[in-house]
Amino acid sequence: MSVRATSRRRHVKHQIGDLRERIEVGENRLRPSGFNQAGGKRVFTKSYDAWAKVETTQFIGGGEVRFNGVNIASSGSHVFTLRYREDLDTESWIRWRGEAYRIDLVRHPDERNEFTEAFAFLEGDQNRKANT
């Protein structure tokens, strides 16, 4: 009887099977109230749906520390990993589980253009401590 090795390749950071959360990507714009009226309302306009891997992270001194979802730090933020998208940038927003996240950084972890990582914070989280 032979033992089958795991299908996870060691040099690959992400695999398509890791993308298990459904997210919405779009724009969050301010819609004016009306003519000669102050204020306005933020409106989320969905561009597309995508499957993503969602991780809770904490930034410490320029580096990053990733948690497994059990030990969530008070200054936690999220990393959304999805299939490669050229149109995803810091002007885009992500909606996940009813919350809107502002994208702070977008990077492509490998040069094969397979995946995109979006580092995001909860909407209104200017000092990155909204959940404390």
N, C-alpha and C. Protein backbone atom coordinates (compact mmCIF):
# COMPACT_ATOMS: atom_id res chain seq x y z
N MET A 1 0.85 -1.17 0.00
CA MET A 1 0.00 0.00 0.00
C MET A 1 0.89 1.24 0.00
N SER A 2 0.67 2.10 -0.95
CA SER A 2 1.51 3.30 -1.05
C SER A 2 0.84 4.47 -0.34
N VAL A 3 1.65 5.37 0.12
CA VAL A 3 1.15 6.57 0.79
C VAL A 3 1.17 7.71 -0.20
N ARG A 4 0.04 8.36 -0.38
CA ARG A 4 -0.03 9.48 -1.32
C ARG A 4 0.46 10.75 -0.65
N ALA A 5 1.26 11.48 -1.35
CA ALA A 5 1.75 12.76 -0.83
C ALA A 5 0.66 13.82 -1.01
N THR A 6 0.73 14.83 -0.19
CA THR A 6 -0.23 15.92 -0.30
C THR A 6 -0.06 16.65 -1.63
N SER A 7 -1.13 17.22 -2.13
CA SER A 7 -1.07 17.89 -3.43
C SER A 7 -0.53 19.32 -3.31
N ARG A 8 -0.32 19.81 -2.11
CA ARG A 8 0.15 21.18 -1.92
C ARG A 8 1.62 21.27 -2.32
N ARG A 9 1.90 22.13 -3.25
CA ARG A 9 3.27 22.34 -3.68
C ARG A 9 3.97 23.26 -2.69
N ARG A 10 5.17 22.97 -2.32
CA ARG A 10 5.87 23.71 -1.27
C ARG A 10 6.20 25.14 -1.66
N HIS A 11 6.50 25.40 -2.89
CA HIS A 11 6.90 26.75 -3.30
C HIS A 11 5.71 27.67 -3.58
N VAL A 12 4.50 27.14 -3.54
CA VAL A 12 3.31 27.92 -3.83
C VAL A 12 2.70 28.42 -2.53
N LYS A 13 2.49 29.73 -2.44
CA LYS A 13 1.94 30.33 -1.23
C LYS A 13 0.42 30.17 -1.18
N HIS A 14 -0.25 30.32 -2.30
CA HIS A 14 -1.70 30.23 -2.37
C HIS A 14 -2.11 29.22 -3.43
N GLN A 15 -3.26 28.58 -3.20
CA GLN A 15 -3.85 27.70 -4.20
C GLN A 15 -5.30 28.08 -4.38
N ILE A 16 -5.87 27.69 -5.50
CA ILE A 16 -7.24 28.09 -5.83
C ILE A 16 -8.24 27.56 -4.81
N GLY A 17 -7.95 26.43 -4.19
CA GLY A 17 -8.85 25.87 -3.18
C GLY A 17 -8.89 26.66 -1.89
N ASP A 18 -7.92 27.57 -1.68
CA ASP A 18 -7.90 28.40 -0.48
C ASP A 18 -8.92 29.54 -0.54
N LEU A 19 -9.41 29.85 -1.73
CA LEU A 19 -10.33 30.97 -1.91
C LEU A 19 -11.75 30.50 -1.62
N ARG A 20 -12.20 30.66 -0.37
CA ARG A 20 -13.48 30.09 0.06
C ARG A 20 -14.50 31.12 0.51
N GLU A 21 -14.14 32.39 0.56
CA GLU A 21 -15.07 33.43 1.00
C GLU A 21 -15.53 34.24 -0.20
N ARG A 22 -16.82 34.57 -0.24
CA ARG A 22 -17.38 35.36 -1.33
C ARG A 22 -17.33 36.83 -0.94
N ILE A 23 -16.70 37.66 -1.79
CA ILE A 23 -16.59 39.09 -1.52
C ILE A 23 -17.15 39.88 -2.71
N GLU A 24 -17.47 41.14 -2.45
CA GLU A 24 -17.89 42.06 -3.51
C GLU A 24 -16.83 43.15 -3.62
N VAL A 25 -16.45 43.47 -4.83
CA VAL A 25 -15.48 44.53 -5.07
C VAL A 25 -16.19 45.64 -5.83
N GLY A 26 -15.97 46.87 -5.39
CA GLY A 26 -16.62 47.99 -6.04
C GLY A 26 -16.04 49.32 -5.59
N GLU A 27 -16.84 50.35 -5.74
CA GLU A 27 -16.42 51.70 -5.38
C GLU A 27 -17.36 52.24 -4.31
N ASN A 28 -16.83 53.01 -3.40
CA ASN A 28 -17.61 53.64 -2.35
C ASN A 28 -17.51 55.15 -2.55
N ARG A 29 -18.55 55.73 -3.10
CA ARG A 29 -18.51 57.15 -3.46
C ARG A 29 -19.51 57.94 -2.64
N LEU A 30 -19.27 59.24 -2.59
CA LEU A 30 -20.16 60.14 -1.89
C LEU A 30 -21.18 60.68 -2.87
N ARG A 31 -22.47 60.41 -2.60
CA ARG A 31 -23.54 60.90 -3.45
C ARG A 31 -24.09 62.19 -2.82
N PRO A 32 -24.09 63.29 -3.53
CA PRO A 32 -24.58 64.55 -2.95
C PRO A 32 -26.05 64.47 -2.58
N SER A 33 -26.43 65.26 -1.57
CA SER A 33 -27.81 65.26 -1.08
C SER A 33 -28.77 65.90 -2.08
N GLY A 34 -28.38 67.00 -2.65
CA GLY A 34 -29.25 67.70 -3.57
C GLY A 34 -28.70 69.10 -3.83
N PHE A 35 -29.40 69.84 -4.62
CA PHE A 35 -28.95 71.18 -4.98
C PHE A 35 -28.97 72.10 -3.75
N ASN A 36 -27.86 72.78 -3.50
CA ASN A 36 -27.71 73.72 -2.39
C ASN A 36 -27.93 73.10 -1.02
N GLN A 37 -27.65 71.82 -0.87
CA GLN A 37 -27.76 71.16 0.43
C GLN A 37 -26.41 70.59 0.82
N ALA A 38 -26.08 70.77 2.08
CA ALA A 38 -24.80 70.25 2.59
C ALA A 38 -24.93 68.76 2.87
N GLY A 39 -23.79 68.10 2.89
CA GLY A 39 -23.77 66.68 3.24
C GLY A 39 -23.89 65.78 2.04
N GLY A 40 -24.12 64.55 2.32
CA GLY A 40 -24.25 63.55 1.28
C GLY A 40 -24.29 62.17 1.92
N LYS A 41 -24.32 61.16 1.10
CA LYS A 41 -24.41 59.80 1.59
C LYS A 41 -23.42 58.93 0.84
N ARG A 42 -22.73 58.05 1.58
CA ARG A 42 -21.81 57.12 0.94
C ARG A 42 -22.60 55.97 0.33
N VAL A 43 -22.31 55.67 -0.93
CA VAL A 43 -23.02 54.61 -1.65
C VAL A 43 -21.99 53.64 -2.20
N PHE A 44 -22.17 52.35 -1.90
CA PHE A 44 -21.29 51.30 -2.41
C PHE A 44 -21.85 50.81 -3.73
N THR A 45 -21.05 50.93 -4.80
CA THR A 45 -21.45 50.46 -6.13
C THR A 45 -20.63 49.22 -6.47
N LYS A 46 -21.29 48.08 -6.56
CA LYS A 46 -20.60 46.82 -6.81
C LYS A 46 -20.14 46.73 -8.26
N SER A 47 -18.87 46.34 -8.45
CA SER A 47 -18.33 46.12 -9.79
C SER A 47 -18.39 44.64 -10.16
N TYR A 48 -17.98 43.77 -9.22
CA TYR A 48 -17.98 42.33 -9.49
C TYR A 48 -17.88 41.56 -8.18
N ASP A 49 -18.24 40.28 -8.24
CA ASP A 49 -18.07 39.34 -7.13
C ASP A 49 -16.81 38.53 -7.37
N ALA A 50 -16.19 38.07 -6.28
CA ALA A 50 -15.00 37.24 -6.41
C ALA A 50 -14.89 36.31 -5.22
N TRP A 51 -14.18 35.21 -5.41
CA TRP A 51 -13.85 34.32 -4.31
C TRP A 51 -12.51 34.75 -3.75
N ALA A 52 -12.38 34.73 -2.42
CA ALA A 52 -11.14 35.21 -1.80
C ALA A 52 -10.80 34.39 -0.57
N LYS A 53 -9.54 34.45 -0.21
CA LYS A 53 -9.06 33.93 1.06
C LYS A 53 -8.91 35.15 1.96
N VAL A 54 -9.48 35.09 3.16
CA VAL A 54 -9.46 36.23 4.07
C VAL A 54 -8.64 35.87 5.29
N GLU A 55 -7.64 36.71 5.60
CA GLU A 55 -6.80 36.51 6.77
C GLU A 55 -6.80 37.76 7.61
N THR A 56 -6.76 37.58 8.93
CA THR A 56 -6.63 38.70 9.84
C THR A 56 -5.14 38.93 10.08
N THR A 57 -4.72 40.19 10.00
CA THR A 57 -3.30 40.51 10.18
C THR A 57 -3.14 41.67 11.14
N GLN A 58 -1.90 41.89 11.55
CA GLN A 58 -1.54 43.07 12.33
C GLN A 58 -0.20 43.55 11.81
N PHE A 59 -0.10 44.86 11.57
CA PHE A 59 1.14 45.44 11.08
C PHE A 59 1.98 45.92 12.25
N ILE A 60 3.21 45.48 12.34
CA ILE A 60 4.10 45.88 13.41
C ILE A 60 5.41 46.36 12.80
N GLY A 61 5.71 47.63 12.93
CA GLY A 61 6.99 48.17 12.47
C GLY A 61 7.29 47.93 11.02
N GLY A 62 6.31 48.02 10.15
CA GLY A 62 6.54 47.85 8.73
C GLY A 62 6.41 46.42 8.26
N GLY A 63 6.50 45.46 9.18
CA GLY A 63 6.32 44.07 8.81
C GLY A 63 4.88 43.66 9.05
N GLU A 64 4.61 42.40 8.92
CA GLU A 64 3.25 41.94 9.16
C GLU A 64 3.30 40.66 9.96
N VAL A 65 2.32 40.48 10.81
CA VAL A 65 2.15 39.27 11.59
C VAL A 65 0.78 38.72 11.26
N ARG A 66 0.71 37.47 10.83
CA ARG A 66 -0.58 36.89 10.46
C ARG A 66 -1.07 36.00 11.58
N PHE A 67 -2.37 36.09 11.85
CA PHE A 67 -3.01 35.27 12.86
C PHE A 67 -3.90 34.26 12.17
N ASN A 68 -4.27 33.23 12.90
CA ASN A 68 -5.09 32.17 12.32
C ASN A 68 -6.58 32.39 12.52
N GLY A 69 -6.99 33.54 12.98
CA GLY A 69 -8.40 33.83 13.18
C GLY A 69 -8.85 33.60 14.61
N VAL A 70 -8.02 32.95 15.42
CA VAL A 70 -8.36 32.71 16.82
C VAL A 70 -7.81 33.83 17.69
N ASN A 71 -6.56 34.17 17.49
CA ASN A 71 -5.91 35.22 18.26
C ASN A 71 -5.92 36.52 17.46
N ILE A 72 -7.01 37.26 17.53
CA ILE A 72 -7.15 38.48 16.74
C ILE A 72 -6.69 39.66 17.57
N ALA A 73 -5.77 40.44 17.06
CA ALA A 73 -5.24 41.59 17.79
C ALA A 73 -6.19 42.77 17.69
N SER A 74 -6.01 43.75 18.58
CA SER A 74 -6.91 44.89 18.64
C SER A 74 -6.75 45.81 17.43
N SER A 75 -5.58 45.86 16.85
CA SER A 75 -5.37 46.71 15.67
C SER A 75 -5.43 45.87 14.40
N GLY A 76 -6.28 44.88 14.40
CA GLY A 76 -6.35 43.94 13.29
C GLY A 76 -6.88 44.57 12.01
N SER A 77 -6.41 44.05 10.91
CA SER A 77 -6.88 44.41 9.59
C SER A 77 -7.02 43.10 8.82
N HIS A 78 -7.26 43.19 7.53
CA HIS A 78 -7.51 41.98 6.75
C HIS A 78 -6.69 41.97 5.47
N VAL A 79 -6.32 40.77 5.06
CA VAL A 79 -5.69 40.56 3.76
C VAL A 79 -6.65 39.70 2.94
N PHE A 80 -7.07 40.22 1.80
CA PHE A 80 -7.95 39.50 0.89
C PHE A 80 -7.10 39.01 -0.28
N THR A 81 -7.01 37.70 -0.44
CA THR A 81 -6.26 37.11 -1.55
C THR A 81 -7.27 36.59 -2.56
N LEU A 82 -7.18 37.07 -3.79
CA LEU A 82 -8.08 36.63 -4.85
C LEU A 82 -7.31 36.39 -6.13
N ARG A 83 -8.00 35.82 -7.11
CA ARG A 83 -7.35 35.59 -8.40
C ARG A 83 -6.85 36.91 -8.95
N TYR A 84 -5.83 36.85 -9.78
CA TYR A 84 -5.19 38.05 -10.31
C TYR A 84 -6.19 38.97 -10.99
N ARG A 85 -6.20 40.21 -10.53
CA ARG A 85 -7.04 41.25 -11.12
C ARG A 85 -6.17 42.47 -11.36
N GLU A 86 -6.10 42.90 -12.59
CA GLU A 86 -5.30 44.07 -12.93
C GLU A 86 -6.02 45.36 -12.53
N ASP A 87 -7.35 45.33 -12.47
CA ASP A 87 -8.12 46.53 -12.20
C ASP A 87 -8.32 46.81 -10.71
N LEU A 88 -7.85 45.95 -9.82
CA LEU A 88 -7.98 46.17 -8.39
C LEU A 88 -6.89 47.13 -7.92
N ASP A 89 -7.29 48.24 -7.30
CA ASP A 89 -6.32 49.22 -6.82
C ASP A 89 -6.81 49.82 -5.51
N THR A 90 -6.11 50.84 -5.02
CA THR A 90 -6.45 51.44 -3.74
C THR A 90 -7.70 52.31 -3.81
N GLU A 91 -8.24 52.54 -4.98
CA GLU A 91 -9.50 53.27 -5.12
C GLU A 91 -10.70 52.33 -4.98
N SER A 92 -10.46 51.03 -5.03
CA SER A 92 -11.52 50.04 -4.91
C SER A 92 -11.83 49.78 -3.43
N TRP A 93 -13.02 49.26 -3.18
CA TRP A 93 -13.44 48.87 -1.84
C TRP A 93 -13.90 47.43 -1.89
N ILE A 94 -13.85 46.75 -0.75
CA ILE A 94 -14.29 45.36 -0.64
C ILE A 94 -15.41 45.30 0.39
N ARG A 95 -16.47 44.58 0.04
CA ARG A 95 -17.55 44.33 0.99
C ARG A 95 -17.55 42.84 1.29
N TRP A 96 -17.43 42.52 2.60
CA TRP A 96 -17.37 41.13 3.05
C TRP A 96 -18.15 41.01 4.35
N ARG A 97 -19.09 40.09 4.39
CA ARG A 97 -19.94 39.84 5.56
C ARG A 97 -20.64 41.10 6.05
N GLY A 98 -21.09 41.92 5.11
CA GLY A 98 -21.85 43.12 5.45
C GLY A 98 -21.03 44.33 5.83
N GLU A 99 -19.71 44.21 5.87
CA GLU A 99 -18.83 45.33 6.23
C GLU A 99 -18.05 45.79 4.99
N ALA A 100 -17.80 47.10 4.92
CA ALA A 100 -17.02 47.66 3.81
C ALA A 100 -15.58 47.87 4.26
N TYR A 101 -14.63 47.46 3.44
CA TYR A 101 -13.21 47.57 3.74
C TYR A 101 -12.54 48.46 2.70
N ARG A 102 -11.73 49.39 3.20
CA ARG A 102 -10.97 50.31 2.35
C ARG A 102 -9.61 49.67 2.06
N ILE A 103 -9.25 49.56 0.79
CA ILE A 103 -7.99 48.94 0.40
C ILE A 103 -6.85 49.94 0.58
N ASP A 104 -5.84 49.51 1.33
CA ASP A 104 -4.68 50.35 1.63
C ASP A 104 -3.48 50.01 0.75
N LEU A 105 -3.37 48.75 0.36
CA LEU A 105 -2.22 48.30 -0.43
C LEU A 105 -2.64 47.11 -1.27
N VAL A 106 -2.20 47.08 -2.52
CA VAL A 106 -2.44 45.95 -3.42
C VAL A 106 -1.09 45.46 -3.91
N ARG A 107 -0.88 44.16 -3.82
CA ARG A 107 0.37 43.59 -4.34
C ARG A 107 0.11 42.25 -4.98
N HIS A 108 1.01 41.88 -5.85
CA HIS A 108 0.95 40.59 -6.54
C HIS A 108 2.13 39.78 -6.04
N PRO A 109 1.89 38.74 -5.23
CA PRO A 109 2.98 38.05 -4.54
C PRO A 109 3.95 37.30 -5.44
N ASP A 110 3.56 36.95 -6.62
CA ASP A 110 4.48 36.28 -7.54
C ASP A 110 4.41 36.97 -8.89
N GLU A 111 5.37 36.69 -9.72
CA GLU A 111 5.41 37.35 -11.03
C GLU A 111 4.66 36.56 -12.08
N ARG A 112 3.96 35.51 -11.68
CA ARG A 112 3.20 34.71 -12.64
C ARG A 112 1.78 35.24 -12.81
N ASN A 113 1.43 36.31 -12.08
CA ASN A 113 0.11 36.92 -12.17
C ASN A 113 -1.01 35.90 -11.94
N GLU A 114 -0.88 35.14 -10.84
CA GLU A 114 -1.91 34.19 -10.49
C GLU A 114 -2.84 34.73 -9.41
N PHE A 115 -2.28 35.46 -8.44
CA PHE A 115 -3.07 35.94 -7.31
C PHE A 115 -2.77 37.41 -7.04
N THR A 116 -3.73 38.07 -6.38
CA THR A 116 -3.59 39.46 -5.95
C THR A 116 -3.92 39.51 -4.47
N GLU A 117 -3.09 40.21 -3.70
CA GLU A 117 -3.33 40.41 -2.28
C GLU A 117 -3.73 41.86 -2.06
N ALA A 118 -4.86 42.06 -1.38
CA ALA A 118 -5.33 43.41 -1.06
C ALA A 118 -5.35 43.55 0.46
N PHE A 119 -4.54 44.47 0.98
CA PHE A 119 -4.50 44.76 2.41
C PHE A 119 -5.54 45.84 2.68
N ALA A 120 -6.52 45.54 3.55
CA ALA A 120 -7.65 46.45 3.72
C ALA A 120 -7.98 46.66 5.19
N PHE A 121 -8.65 47.79 5.46
CA PHE A 121 -9.09 48.15 6.81
C PHE A 121 -10.58 48.46 6.77
N LEU A 122 -11.25 48.30 7.90
CA LEU A 122 -12.68 48.61 7.98
C LEU A 122 -12.94 50.06 7.61
N GLU A 123 -14.09 50.31 6.99
CA GLU A 123 -14.47 51.67 6.61
C GLU A 123 -14.53 52.56 7.84
N GLY A 124 -13.97 53.76 7.73
CA GLY A 124 -13.97 54.70 8.84
C GLY A 124 -12.84 54.48 9.82
N ASP A 125 -11.98 53.53 9.54
CA ASP A 125 -10.89 53.18 10.44
C ASP A 125 -9.65 53.99 10.11
N GLN A 126 -9.63 55.26 10.47
CA GLN A 126 -8.53 56.13 10.11
C GLN A 126 -7.26 55.80 10.88
N ASN A 127 -7.37 55.43 12.15
CA ASN A 127 -6.19 55.13 12.94
C ASN A 127 -5.95 53.62 13.05
N ARG A 128 -6.69 52.84 12.31
CA ARG A 128 -6.55 51.38 12.22
C ARG A 128 -6.81 50.72 13.56
N LYS A 129 -7.66 51.30 14.38
CA LYS A 129 -8.04 50.69 15.65
C LYS A 129 -9.55 50.78 15.83
N ALA A 130 -10.31 50.55 14.79
CA ALA A 130 -11.76 50.68 14.86
C ALA A 130 -12.42 49.58 15.67
N ASN A 131 -11.77 48.43 15.76
CA ASN A 131 -12.39 47.29 16.44
C ASN A 131 -12.01 47.18 17.90
N THR A 132 -11.35 48.18 18.47
CA THR A 132 -10.93 48.06 19.87
C THR A 132 -12.02 48.48 20.81
